[in-house]
Amino acid sequence: AIHVINCTRLTILPESIGKLKKLRTLELNDTWNSLTLEGSNEQLLSSGCFFHPHHASHAPGNKASPSLCIADVKPRHITRLKLGRMTESSSGWEMLQHLTGLHDLEITGCKDLKQLPESMSLRRLELKHCDNLCMLPEWLGELQSLQSLDIINLRAMSALPEPMQRLTSLRSLFIFVCDALRQLPEQLGELCSLADLVIVDVPALTHLPESMRRLTSLRYLNLASCGALTQLPESLGELSALLRLGIQSCSGLTSLPRFIGRLTAPEELTINKCPELVRRCREGVGEDWHLISHVPELRLLD
């Protein structure tokens, strides 16, 4: 790995770096000047190096930071990329046009998200620390090959776009630390391949959509630190593939829904830091014990 940090006068990387055939991580962090990769460095990128072009939001003297410039480089074989602190006009977005083999993209700290190329066949997308982003773009629904979507620390995001229903290849959806998110789209049930759904630290979330009954591939559901969530929809009892259910620090949930007793394939139930739920699930004496007595692995933690 090579990490280039806070080198404000750096304008070009030496061609000798391109000879490092085993290099897999190249991180350019807070390089405020325009940076050019040329010559044999094209071989470096096309070899599958994990390239991280990060940009500082402010250069010395409060001047806007120039964008990363990729000259004569078309790394068609690179499969993973991290972009950080990009503006809508940053040339890093243009670089994506050449990454036809890109499968894994992480975008961090960007105020705006520019539409990704239609030719892109992303399998994994991670969006995090985009503090000013109030709404995910509707073009997200065009990523037909997407299998994993992680939404992390988007505190201003109040809703997910309806076109997400077109992500029929999506297998995992992780939502972490989204303070303003109050509800999930009713179209969530259209994600027919979704197997893992994890929602953590979404304090304003009030309910889950009834359409989740159509998530017939869902095997794992985890809810944590969702204080405004007061009940789970009874329709979740129709999730015939659900194997693992976790509920942690959801103080608004004071009793288990009856649907849990109808689940046919549960292998594991974890209830943690939900005092009233734990009390009601105590073996033999809790009011809800009969709903979970058939679950092979129970974890009840105060």
Protein backbone atom coordinates (compact mmCIF):
# COMPACT_ATOMS: atom_id res chain seq x y z
CA ALA A 1 0.00 0.00 0.00
CA ILE A 2 1.07 3.56 -0.71
CA HIS A 3 -0.62 6.45 1.11
CA VAL A 4 0.08 10.00 -0.13
CA ILE A 5 -1.28 12.47 2.43
CA ASN A 6 -1.27 16.27 2.54
CA CYS A 7 1.24 16.72 -0.30
CA THR A 8 -0.10 20.03 -1.55
CA ARG A 9 2.52 20.57 -4.27
CA LEU A 10 2.38 17.10 -5.75
CA THR A 11 1.50 17.27 -9.44
CA ILE A 12 2.66 13.97 -10.89
CA LEU A 13 3.42 10.47 -9.68
CA PRO A 14 6.65 8.88 -10.95
CA GLU A 15 6.30 6.26 -13.65
CA SER A 16 8.29 3.86 -11.49
CA ILE A 17 5.20 3.37 -9.33
CA GLY A 18 3.65 1.63 -12.31
CA LYS A 19 6.24 -1.12 -12.00
CA LEU A 20 4.94 -2.16 -8.56
CA LYS A 21 2.93 -5.07 -9.88
CA LYS A 22 1.83 -6.26 -6.42
CA LEU A 23 0.59 -2.86 -5.25
CA ARG A 24 -3.09 -3.08 -4.44
CA THR A 25 -3.82 0.17 -2.59
CA LEU A 26 -2.92 3.68 -3.73
CA GLU A 27 -4.46 6.45 -1.61
CA LEU A 28 -4.19 10.12 -2.51
CA ASN A 29 -5.53 12.12 0.42
CA ASP A 30 -5.64 15.92 0.61
CA THR A 31 -3.54 16.47 -2.52
CA TRP A 32 -4.84 19.89 -3.41
CA ASN A 33 -2.99 20.40 -6.68
CA SER A 34 -4.05 18.87 -9.96
CA LEU A 35 -2.55 15.41 -10.13
CA THR A 36 -1.68 13.49 -13.29
CA LEU A 37 -1.09 9.76 -13.60
CA GLU A 38 0.65 8.87 -16.84
CA GLY A 39 3.00 6.47 -18.58
CA SER A 40 3.40 3.06 -16.95
CA ASN A 41 0.99 4.06 -14.18
CA GLU A 42 -1.75 2.96 -16.55
CA GLN A 43 -0.45 -0.57 -16.07
CA LEU A 44 -0.67 -0.07 -12.32
CA LEU A 45 -4.35 0.85 -12.42
CA SER A 46 -5.28 -1.80 -14.96
CA SER A 47 -3.71 -4.47 -12.74
CA GLY A 48 -6.50 -4.14 -10.19
CA CYS A 49 -4.94 -1.71 -7.73
CA PHE A 50 -7.43 -0.32 -5.20
CA PHE A 51 -7.23 3.38 -6.08
CA HIS A 52 -8.47 5.99 -3.58
CA PRO A 53 -8.51 9.56 -4.94
CA HIS A 54 -9.55 11.74 -1.99
CA HIS A 55 -9.82 15.51 -2.13
CA ALA A 56 -9.75 18.06 0.66
CA SER A 57 -12.81 20.25 0.81
CA HIS A 58 -10.69 23.34 1.40
CA ALA A 59 -7.17 24.07 0.30
CA PRO A 60 -4.79 26.34 2.22
CA GLY A 61 -5.95 29.93 2.19
CA ASN A 62 -9.58 28.85 1.83
CA LYS A 63 -9.13 28.38 -1.91
CA ALA A 64 -11.22 25.77 -3.64
CA SER A 65 -9.26 22.60 -4.24
CA PRO A 66 -8.62 21.63 -7.88
CA SER A 67 -9.99 18.29 -8.96
CA LEU A 68 -8.01 15.16 -9.62
CA CYS A 69 -6.96 14.95 -13.25
CA ILE A 70 -6.43 11.60 -14.93
CA ALA A 71 -4.50 12.09 -18.19
CA ASP A 72 -4.40 9.40 -20.86
CA VAL A 73 -5.35 6.69 -18.39
CA LYS A 74 -8.21 4.29 -18.98
CA PRO A 75 -7.98 1.62 -16.27
CA ARG A 76 -10.56 -0.74 -17.71
CA HIS A 77 -9.73 -3.64 -15.43
CA ILE A 78 -9.93 -1.92 -12.05
CA THR A 79 -12.82 -3.40 -10.07
CA ARG A 80 -12.86 -1.39 -6.83
CA LEU A 81 -12.72 2.36 -6.24
CA LYS A 82 -13.15 4.86 -3.41
CA LEU A 83 -14.03 8.49 -4.10
CA GLY A 84 -13.92 11.05 -1.30
CA ARG A 85 -15.09 14.65 -0.90
CA MET A 86 -15.98 15.12 -4.54
CA THR A 87 -17.92 18.12 -5.83
CA GLU A 88 -20.34 17.85 -8.73
CA SER A 89 -17.72 19.35 -11.05
CA SER A 90 -14.82 17.14 -9.92
CA SER A 91 -13.16 15.29 -12.79
CA GLY A 92 -13.20 12.12 -10.73
CA TRP A 93 -16.75 11.58 -12.00
CA GLU A 94 -15.42 11.70 -15.56
CA MET A 95 -12.90 9.02 -14.67
CA LEU A 96 -15.79 6.66 -13.97
CA GLN A 97 -16.63 6.71 -17.68
CA HIS A 98 -13.50 4.63 -18.30
CA LEU A 99 -14.00 2.14 -15.46
CA THR A 100 -16.14 -0.30 -17.40
CA GLY A 101 -15.05 -3.18 -15.17
CA LEU A 102 -15.84 -1.42 -11.89
CA HIS A 103 -17.93 -3.56 -9.53
CA ASP A 104 -17.33 -1.98 -6.11
CA LEU A 105 -17.70 1.78 -5.53
CA GLU A 106 -17.45 3.71 -2.26
CA ILE A 107 -18.40 7.40 -2.18
CA THR A 108 -17.52 9.37 0.95
CA GLY A 109 -18.21 12.94 2.04
CA CYS A 110 -19.74 14.23 -1.19
CA LYS A 111 -22.26 17.07 -1.12
CA ASP A 112 -23.71 16.11 -4.49
CA LEU A 113 -23.91 12.82 -6.34
CA LYS A 114 -23.49 13.00 -10.07
CA GLN A 115 -25.26 10.36 -12.13
CA LEU A 116 -23.14 7.31 -12.73
CA PRO A 117 -22.48 6.11 -16.29
CA GLU A 118 -25.22 3.91 -17.76
CA SER A 119 -22.59 1.40 -18.85
CA MET A 120 -21.54 0.74 -15.26
CA SER A 121 -22.37 -2.69 -13.84
CA LEU A 122 -21.90 -2.04 -10.13
CA ARG A 123 -22.44 -4.92 -7.73
CA ARG A 124 -21.71 -3.00 -4.53
CA LEU A 125 -22.25 0.68 -3.69
CA GLU A 126 -21.42 2.33 -0.37
CA LEU A 127 -22.50 5.90 0.36
CA LYS A 128 -21.29 7.40 3.63
CA HIS A 129 -20.72 10.68 5.47
CA CYS A 130 -22.59 12.76 2.88
CA ASP A 131 -23.96 15.09 5.53
CA ASN A 132 -25.86 17.51 3.28
CA LEU A 133 -27.53 14.89 1.12
CA CYS A 134 -31.27 15.07 1.84
CA MET A 135 -32.43 12.60 -0.80
CA LEU A 136 -30.74 9.82 -2.69
CA PRO A 137 -30.87 10.36 -6.46
CA GLU A 138 -33.53 8.56 -8.47
CA TRP A 139 -30.92 7.21 -10.87
CA LEU A 140 -30.04 4.78 -8.10
CA GLY A 141 -32.83 2.60 -9.46
CA GLU A 142 -30.96 2.25 -12.75
CA LEU A 143 -28.17 0.15 -11.19
CA GLN A 144 -29.76 -3.10 -12.28
CA SER A 145 -26.71 -5.23 -11.36
CA LEU A 146 -26.42 -3.85 -7.81
CA GLN A 147 -26.31 -6.61 -5.18
CA SER A 148 -25.22 -4.68 -2.08
CA LEU A 149 -26.13 -1.15 -0.97
CA ASP A 150 -24.70 0.40 2.21
CA ILE A 151 -26.04 3.78 3.35
CA ILE A 152 -23.94 5.05 6.25
CA ASN A 153 -24.13 8.30 8.19
CA LEU A 154 -26.36 10.25 5.83
CA ARG A 155 -27.87 12.26 8.66
CA ALA A 156 -29.95 14.62 6.51
CA MET A 157 -31.48 11.94 4.29
CA SER A 158 -35.23 11.89 4.91
CA ALA A 159 -36.38 9.30 2.37
CA LEU A 160 -35.25 6.60 -0.02
CA PRO A 161 -36.13 7.05 -3.69
CA GLU A 162 -39.09 5.08 -5.06
CA PRO A 163 -37.10 3.84 -8.11
CA MET A 164 -35.17 1.64 -5.70
CA GLN A 165 -37.90 -0.92 -6.36
CA ARG A 166 -36.15 -1.67 -9.65
CA LEU A 167 -33.09 -3.05 -7.84
CA THR A 168 -34.29 -6.60 -8.29
CA SER A 169 -30.75 -8.03 -7.96
CA LEU A 170 -30.15 -6.37 -4.58
CA ARG A 171 -29.30 -8.96 -1.92
CA SER A 172 -28.22 -6.81 1.03
CA LEU A 173 -29.36 -3.40 2.24
CA PHE A 174 -27.59 -1.81 5.23
CA ILE A 175 -28.83 1.52 6.63
CA PHE A 176 -26.72 3.03 9.44
CA VAL A 177 -27.01 6.35 11.29
CA CYS A 178 -29.65 8.18 9.26
CA ASP A 179 -31.21 10.58 11.76
CA ALA A 180 -33.88 12.09 9.49
CA LEU A 181 -35.17 8.90 7.85
CA ARG A 182 -38.77 8.42 9.03
CA GLN A 183 -40.00 5.63 6.80
CA LEU A 184 -38.97 3.13 4.18
CA PRO A 185 -40.68 3.24 0.79
CA GLU A 186 -43.74 1.05 0.35
CA GLN A 187 -42.04 -0.29 -2.76
CA LEU A 188 -39.45 -2.01 -0.57
CA GLY A 189 -41.37 -5.23 -1.08
CA GLU A 190 -40.39 -5.25 -4.75
CA LEU A 191 -36.79 -6.13 -3.87
CA CYS A 192 -37.39 -9.78 -4.62
CA SER A 193 -33.76 -10.88 -4.13
CA LEU A 194 -33.18 -9.11 -0.81
CA ALA A 195 -31.71 -11.55 1.71
CA ASP A 196 -30.20 -9.26 4.39
CA LEU A 197 -31.82 -6.11 5.77
CA VAL A 198 -29.99 -4.27 8.56
CA ILE A 199 -31.26 -0.97 10.00
CA VAL A 200 -29.13 0.56 12.77
CA ASP A 201 -29.42 3.91 14.55
CA VAL A 202 -32.35 5.32 12.62
CA PRO A 203 -34.11 7.04 15.55
CA ALA A 204 -36.94 8.67 13.56
CA LEU A 205 -38.12 5.48 11.82
CA THR A 206 -41.72 4.95 12.92
CA HIS A 207 -42.78 1.82 11.05
CA LEU A 208 -41.86 -0.79 8.47
CA PRO A 209 -43.91 -1.08 5.27
CA GLU A 210 -46.52 -3.83 4.96
CA SER A 211 -45.10 -4.66 1.55
CA MET A 212 -42.22 -6.43 3.30
CA ARG A 213 -44.42 -9.54 3.23
CA ARG A 214 -43.27 -9.92 -0.38
CA LEU A 215 -39.60 -10.20 0.59
CA THR A 216 -39.70 -13.94 0.12
CA SER A 217 -35.88 -14.22 -0.04
CA LEU A 218 -35.25 -12.36 3.23
CA ARG A 219 -33.16 -14.50 5.58
CA TYR A 220 -31.80 -11.95 8.05
CA LEU A 221 -33.52 -8.91 9.58
CA ASN A 222 -31.75 -6.80 12.19
CA LEU A 223 -33.17 -3.68 13.85
CA ALA A 224 -31.10 -1.68 16.32
CA SER A 225 -31.43 1.73 17.99
CA CYS A 226 -34.72 2.59 16.29
CA GLY A 227 -36.37 4.30 19.25
CA ALA A 228 -39.48 5.55 17.42
CA LEU A 229 -40.38 2.08 16.14
CA THR A 230 -43.34 0.90 18.22
CA GLN A 231 -44.46 -2.22 16.38
CA LEU A 232 -43.52 -4.63 13.64
CA PRO A 233 -46.06 -5.43 10.92
CA GLU A 234 -47.89 -8.72 11.34
CA SER A 235 -47.30 -9.37 7.65
CA LEU A 236 -43.69 -10.28 8.48
CA GLY A 237 -45.10 -13.64 9.53
CA GLU A 238 -45.30 -14.48 5.83
CA LEU A 239 -41.50 -14.35 5.45
CA SER A 240 -41.03 -18.07 4.97
CA ALA A 241 -37.26 -17.79 4.41
CA LEU A 242 -36.49 -15.70 7.52
CA LEU A 243 -33.83 -17.48 9.59
CA ARG A 244 -32.42 -14.79 11.87
CA LEU A 245 -34.12 -11.87 13.60
CA GLY A 246 -32.32 -9.37 15.80
CA ILE A 247 -33.82 -6.56 17.89
CA GLN A 248 -31.48 -4.33 19.89
CA SER A 249 -32.08 -1.09 21.78
CA CYS A 250 -35.56 -0.51 20.34
CA SER A 251 -37.24 0.86 23.45
CA GLY A 252 -40.54 1.53 21.67
CA LEU A 253 -41.10 -2.19 21.05
CA THR A 254 -42.72 -3.50 24.23
CA SER A 255 -44.18 -6.78 22.99
CA LEU A 256 -43.47 -9.28 20.25
CA PRO A 257 -45.83 -9.42 17.29
CA ARG A 258 -47.83 -12.60 16.91
CA PHE A 259 -46.27 -13.23 13.51
CA ILE A 260 -43.14 -14.64 15.14
CA GLY A 261 -45.13 -17.68 16.14
CA ARG A 262 -46.00 -18.28 12.48
CA LEU A 263 -42.44 -18.23 11.16
CA THR A 264 -41.64 -21.69 9.84
CA ALA A 265 -37.86 -21.57 9.52
CA PRO A 266 -36.43 -19.38 12.32
CA GLU A 267 -33.04 -20.50 13.61
CA GLU A 268 -31.99 -17.56 15.74
CA LEU A 269 -33.68 -14.75 17.68
CA THR A 270 -31.67 -12.11 19.53
CA ILE A 271 -33.25 -9.48 21.79
CA ASN A 272 -30.77 -7.13 23.43
CA LYS A 273 -31.23 -4.02 25.58
CA CYS A 274 -35.02 -4.12 25.32
CA PRO A 275 -35.92 -4.71 29.00
CA GLU A 276 -39.67 -5.11 28.55
CA LEU A 277 -39.29 -7.45 25.59
CA VAL A 278 -36.75 -9.57 27.45
CA ARG A 279 -39.09 -9.81 30.45
CA ARG A 280 -42.01 -10.93 28.28
CA CYS A 281 -39.85 -13.60 26.61
CA ARG A 282 -38.57 -15.31 29.76
CA GLU A 283 -38.78 -19.06 29.43
CA GLY A 284 -41.96 -20.51 30.87
CA VAL A 285 -43.13 -17.31 32.57
CA GLY A 286 -43.10 -14.51 29.99
CA GLU A 287 -46.30 -13.50 28.22
CA ASP A 288 -44.62 -13.94 24.83
CA TRP A 289 -42.73 -17.15 25.56
CA HIS A 290 -45.19 -19.26 23.58
CA LEU A 291 -44.39 -17.21 20.47
CA ILE A 292 -40.68 -18.02 20.50
CA SER A 293 -40.41 -21.39 22.23
CA HIS A 294 -39.91 -23.12 18.85
CA VAL A 295 -36.80 -21.06 17.97
CA PRO A 296 -33.66 -23.25 18.38
CA GLU A 297 -31.28 -20.45 19.38
CA LEU A 298 -32.53 -17.70 21.68
CA ARG A 299 -30.43 -14.84 23.02
CA LEU A 300 -32.17 -12.65 25.57
CA LEU A 301 -29.82 -10.00 26.94
CA ASP A 302 -30.66 -7.17 29.32
